[in-house]
Amino acid sequence: MIFTVATTFITPETHMSRPSTHPGRTLSSQARKRGQRGQSTVAYIIICAALAGTLFVPLPPNNLTAAQQLAQAVRTYYSDLTFFISLP
């Protein structure tokens, strides 16, 4: 019996240009992974847009938006802080 061994020499240049295939992973799972790329970015953008949108919805007690209430709180805090700093 004669056994032949097939050897492949891989240089760094050819290694980097070869597509990454892992044993046990089918082409369809690789294609699925490729289709899922960027999905978390889209979800993050949607959540951030929803949170930003809620800043401009009027709230019932005084019909001010959350952004207006936040700005008013910062103004009051800054006014109190400058008054405190100006004390002798």
N, C-alpha and C. Protein backbone atom coordinates (compact mmCIF):
# COMPACT_ATOMS: atom_id res chain seq x y z
N MET A 1 0.84 -1.18 0.00
CA MET A 1 0.00 0.00 0.00
C MET A 1 0.88 1.24 0.00
N ILE A 2 0.47 2.17 -0.79
CA ILE A 2 1.19 3.42 -0.86
C ILE A 2 0.27 4.52 -0.33
N PHE A 3 0.77 5.26 0.64
CA PHE A 3 0.01 6.37 1.21
C PHE A 3 0.60 7.67 0.70
N THR A 4 -0.26 8.52 0.25
CA THR A 4 0.21 9.84 -0.15
C THR A 4 -0.38 10.87 0.80
N VAL A 5 0.41 11.83 1.11
CA VAL A 5 -0.03 12.89 2.02
C VAL A 5 -0.11 14.17 1.21
N ALA A 6 -1.26 14.74 1.22
CA ALA A 6 -1.43 16.00 0.51
C ALA A 6 -1.07 17.14 1.47
N THR A 7 -0.14 17.93 1.06
CA THR A 7 0.26 19.06 1.89
C THR A 7 -0.03 20.36 1.15
N THR A 8 -0.44 21.31 1.89
CA THR A 8 -0.72 22.62 1.32
C THR A 8 0.13 23.63 2.08
N PHE A 9 0.88 24.40 1.35
CA PHE A 9 1.68 25.43 1.98
C PHE A 9 0.92 26.74 1.92
N ILE A 10 0.72 27.30 3.09
CA ILE A 10 -0.04 28.54 3.17
C ILE A 10 0.90 29.65 3.61
N THR A 11 1.03 30.63 2.79
CA THR A 11 1.83 31.80 3.15
C THR A 11 0.91 32.80 3.84
N PRO A 12 1.46 33.77 4.55
CA PRO A 12 0.60 34.76 5.21
C PRO A 12 -0.30 35.51 4.23
N GLU A 13 0.17 35.72 3.01
CA GLU A 13 -0.65 36.45 2.04
C GLU A 13 -1.86 35.62 1.60
N THR A 14 -1.63 34.33 1.32
CA THR A 14 -2.75 33.50 0.88
C THR A 14 -3.67 33.15 2.04
N HIS A 15 -3.12 33.09 3.25
CA HIS A 15 -3.96 32.78 4.41
C HIS A 15 -4.98 33.89 4.65
N MET A 16 -4.57 35.14 4.49
CA MET A 16 -5.48 36.25 4.74
C MET A 16 -6.52 36.39 3.64
N SER A 17 -6.22 35.90 2.45
CA SER A 17 -7.17 36.07 1.35
C SER A 17 -8.18 34.93 1.26
N ARG A 18 -7.96 33.86 2.01
CA ARG A 18 -8.88 32.72 1.94
C ARG A 18 -10.12 33.00 2.76
N PRO A 19 -11.28 32.59 2.28
CA PRO A 19 -12.50 32.78 3.08
C PRO A 19 -12.45 31.90 4.33
N SER A 20 -13.01 32.39 5.38
CA SER A 20 -13.00 31.65 6.64
C SER A 20 -14.13 30.63 6.64
N THR A 21 -13.77 29.36 6.62
CA THR A 21 -14.77 28.30 6.72
C THR A 21 -14.40 27.44 7.91
N HIS A 22 -15.34 27.18 8.75
CA HIS A 22 -15.12 26.38 9.94
C HIS A 22 -15.80 25.03 9.75
N PRO A 23 -15.15 23.98 10.21
CA PRO A 23 -15.79 22.67 10.08
C PRO A 23 -17.08 22.60 10.88
N GLY A 24 -18.07 21.99 10.32
CA GLY A 24 -19.34 21.86 11.01
C GLY A 24 -20.29 23.01 10.74
N ARG A 25 -19.81 24.05 10.15
CA ARG A 25 -20.67 25.20 9.87
C ARG A 25 -21.03 25.15 8.39
N THR A 26 -22.31 25.16 8.11
CA THR A 26 -22.74 25.07 6.72
C THR A 26 -22.77 26.45 6.10
N LEU A 27 -22.87 26.47 4.81
CA LEU A 27 -22.91 27.75 4.10
C LEU A 27 -24.15 28.54 4.50
N SER A 28 -25.27 27.84 4.75
CA SER A 28 -26.48 28.56 5.10
C SER A 28 -26.35 29.26 6.45
N SER A 29 -25.64 28.67 7.40
CA SER A 29 -25.46 29.35 8.68
C SER A 29 -24.54 30.55 8.53
N GLN A 30 -23.56 30.46 7.63
CA GLN A 30 -22.70 31.62 7.36
C GLN A 30 -23.52 32.71 6.69
N ALA A 31 -24.38 32.33 5.78
CA ALA A 31 -25.22 33.32 5.10
C ALA A 31 -26.18 33.97 6.10
N ARG A 32 -26.71 33.17 7.04
CA ARG A 32 -27.59 33.73 8.06
C ARG A 32 -26.85 34.74 8.93
N LYS A 33 -25.63 34.40 9.33
CA LYS A 33 -24.83 35.30 10.15
C LYS A 33 -24.56 36.60 9.40
N ARG A 34 -24.28 36.49 8.11
CA ARG A 34 -24.01 37.67 7.31
C ARG A 34 -25.26 38.56 7.23
N GLY A 35 -26.43 37.95 7.19
CA GLY A 35 -27.67 38.71 7.13
C GLY A 35 -28.02 39.36 8.46
N GLN A 36 -27.47 38.84 9.56
CA GLN A 36 -27.76 39.39 10.87
C GLN A 36 -26.80 40.50 11.25
N ARG A 37 -25.77 40.70 10.48
CA ARG A 37 -24.80 41.74 10.78
C ARG A 37 -25.48 43.11 10.77
N GLY A 38 -25.27 43.91 11.80
CA GLY A 38 -25.85 45.23 11.86
C GLY A 38 -27.21 45.27 12.50
N GLN A 39 -27.75 44.13 12.89
CA GLN A 39 -29.09 44.09 13.47
C GLN A 39 -29.11 44.81 14.81
N SER A 40 -28.08 44.68 15.61
CA SER A 40 -28.05 45.35 16.91
C SER A 40 -27.97 46.86 16.75
N THR A 41 -27.31 47.32 15.69
CA THR A 41 -27.23 48.76 15.44
C THR A 41 -28.61 49.32 15.13
N VAL A 42 -29.37 48.61 14.34
CA VAL A 42 -30.72 49.05 14.00
C VAL A 42 -31.60 49.09 15.25
N ALA A 43 -31.51 48.06 16.08
CA ALA A 43 -32.29 48.02 17.32
C ALA A 43 -31.88 49.16 18.25
N TYR A 44 -30.59 49.45 18.34
CA TYR A 44 -30.10 50.54 19.18
C TYR A 44 -30.64 51.88 18.69
N ILE A 45 -30.63 52.10 17.39
CA ILE A 45 -31.13 53.35 16.82
C ILE A 45 -32.63 53.50 17.09
N ILE A 46 -33.39 52.42 16.96
CA ILE A 46 -34.83 52.49 17.21
C ILE A 46 -35.12 52.82 18.67
N ILE A 47 -34.38 52.18 19.59
CA ILE A 47 -34.60 52.44 21.01
C ILE A 47 -34.21 53.86 21.37
N CYS A 48 -33.09 54.34 20.85
CA CYS A 48 -32.66 55.72 21.13
C CYS A 48 -33.66 56.73 20.56
N ALA A 49 -34.18 56.47 19.38
CA ALA A 49 -35.16 57.38 18.78
C ALA A 49 -36.44 57.39 19.61
N ALA A 50 -36.86 56.25 20.12
CA ALA A 50 -38.07 56.20 20.95
C ALA A 50 -37.86 56.96 22.25
N LEU A 51 -36.69 56.78 22.86
CA LEU A 51 -36.40 57.51 24.10
C LEU A 51 -36.31 59.01 23.87
N ALA A 52 -35.68 59.41 22.76
CA ALA A 52 -35.59 60.83 22.44
C ALA A 52 -36.98 61.40 22.14
N GLY A 53 -37.83 60.62 21.51
CA GLY A 53 -39.18 61.08 21.22
C GLY A 53 -40.02 61.29 22.46
N THR A 54 -39.77 60.49 23.49
CA THR A 54 -40.54 60.65 24.73
C THR A 54 -40.17 61.92 25.48
N LEU A 55 -39.04 62.51 25.18
CA LEU A 55 -38.67 63.77 25.82
C LEU A 55 -39.60 64.91 25.42
N PHE A 56 -40.26 64.78 24.29
CA PHE A 56 -41.07 65.87 23.76
C PHE A 56 -42.57 65.60 23.84
N VAL A 57 -42.97 64.66 24.68
CA VAL A 57 -44.39 64.37 24.90
C VAL A 57 -44.81 65.08 26.19
N PRO A 58 -45.87 65.90 26.14
CA PRO A 58 -46.30 66.62 27.35
C PRO A 58 -46.75 65.65 28.44
N LEU A 59 -46.38 65.96 29.68
CA LEU A 59 -46.76 65.13 30.82
C LEU A 59 -47.95 65.77 31.52
N PRO A 60 -48.87 64.98 32.06
CA PRO A 60 -50.15 65.46 32.57
C PRO A 60 -50.13 66.53 33.67
N PRO A 61 -49.32 66.47 34.71
CA PRO A 61 -49.53 67.42 35.81
C PRO A 61 -49.48 68.89 35.39
N ASN A 62 -48.52 69.26 34.56
CA ASN A 62 -48.42 70.68 34.18
C ASN A 62 -48.25 70.88 32.68
N ASN A 63 -48.47 69.85 31.91
CA ASN A 63 -48.38 69.87 30.44
C ASN A 63 -47.03 70.36 29.93
N LEU A 64 -45.97 70.15 30.70
CA LEU A 64 -44.63 70.42 30.23
C LEU A 64 -44.01 69.12 29.75
N THR A 65 -43.17 69.21 28.75
CA THR A 65 -42.48 68.01 28.29
C THR A 65 -41.34 67.69 29.25
N ALA A 66 -40.81 66.50 29.13
CA ALA A 66 -39.69 66.09 29.99
C ALA A 66 -38.47 66.96 29.71
N ALA A 67 -38.28 67.36 28.47
CA ALA A 67 -37.15 68.23 28.12
C ALA A 67 -37.31 69.60 28.77
N GLN A 68 -38.53 70.13 28.79
CA GLN A 68 -38.77 71.42 29.43
C GLN A 68 -38.57 71.33 30.94
N GLN A 69 -39.03 70.25 31.54
CA GLN A 69 -38.84 70.07 32.98
C GLN A 69 -37.36 69.91 33.32
N LEU A 70 -36.62 69.21 32.49
CA LEU A 70 -35.18 69.05 32.71
C LEU A 70 -34.47 70.40 32.59
N ALA A 71 -34.82 71.18 31.57
CA ALA A 71 -34.21 72.50 31.39
C ALA A 71 -34.54 73.41 32.57
N GLN A 72 -35.78 73.35 33.05
CA GLN A 72 -36.18 74.17 34.20
C GLN A 72 -35.42 73.74 35.46
N ALA A 73 -35.22 72.46 35.66
CA ALA A 73 -34.48 71.97 36.82
C ALA A 73 -33.02 72.41 36.76
N VAL A 74 -32.41 72.36 35.58
CA VAL A 74 -31.02 72.81 35.43
C VAL A 74 -30.92 74.30 35.69
N ARG A 75 -31.88 75.09 35.16
CA ARG A 75 -31.89 76.53 35.40
C ARG A 75 -32.00 76.85 36.88
N THR A 76 -32.89 76.17 37.58
CA THR A 76 -33.07 76.40 39.01
C THR A 76 -31.82 76.01 39.78
N TYR A 77 -31.23 74.85 39.44
CA TYR A 77 -30.02 74.41 40.13
C TYR A 77 -28.89 75.40 39.89
N TYR A 78 -28.71 75.87 38.67
CA TYR A 78 -27.63 76.80 38.35
C TYR A 78 -27.85 78.13 39.06
N SER A 79 -29.10 78.57 39.13
CA SER A 79 -29.42 79.82 39.83
C SER A 79 -29.09 79.69 41.32
N ASP A 80 -29.49 78.58 41.93
CA ASP A 80 -29.18 78.35 43.35
C ASP A 80 -27.68 78.22 43.57
N LEU A 81 -26.99 77.57 42.66
CA LEU A 81 -25.55 77.38 42.79
C LEU A 81 -24.83 78.73 42.70
N THR A 82 -25.20 79.57 41.75
CA THR A 82 -24.55 80.88 41.64
C THR A 82 -24.85 81.76 42.84
N PHE A 83 -26.05 81.64 43.39
CA PHE A 83 -26.37 82.39 44.60
C PHE A 83 -25.50 81.93 45.76
N PHE A 84 -25.33 80.62 45.90
CA PHE A 84 -24.52 80.07 46.99
C PHE A 84 -23.05 80.48 46.85
N ILE A 85 -22.55 80.45 45.64
CA ILE A 85 -21.15 80.83 45.41
C ILE A 85 -20.94 82.32 45.70
N SER A 86 -21.93 83.14 45.45
CA SER A 86 -21.77 84.59 45.66
C SER A 86 -21.86 85.00 47.13
N LEU A 87 -22.27 84.10 48.01
CA LEU A 87 -22.34 84.43 49.42
C LEU A 87 -20.93 84.65 49.99
N PRO A 88 -20.81 85.60 50.96
CA PRO A 88 -19.48 85.84 51.54
C PRO A 88 -19.02 84.72 52.45
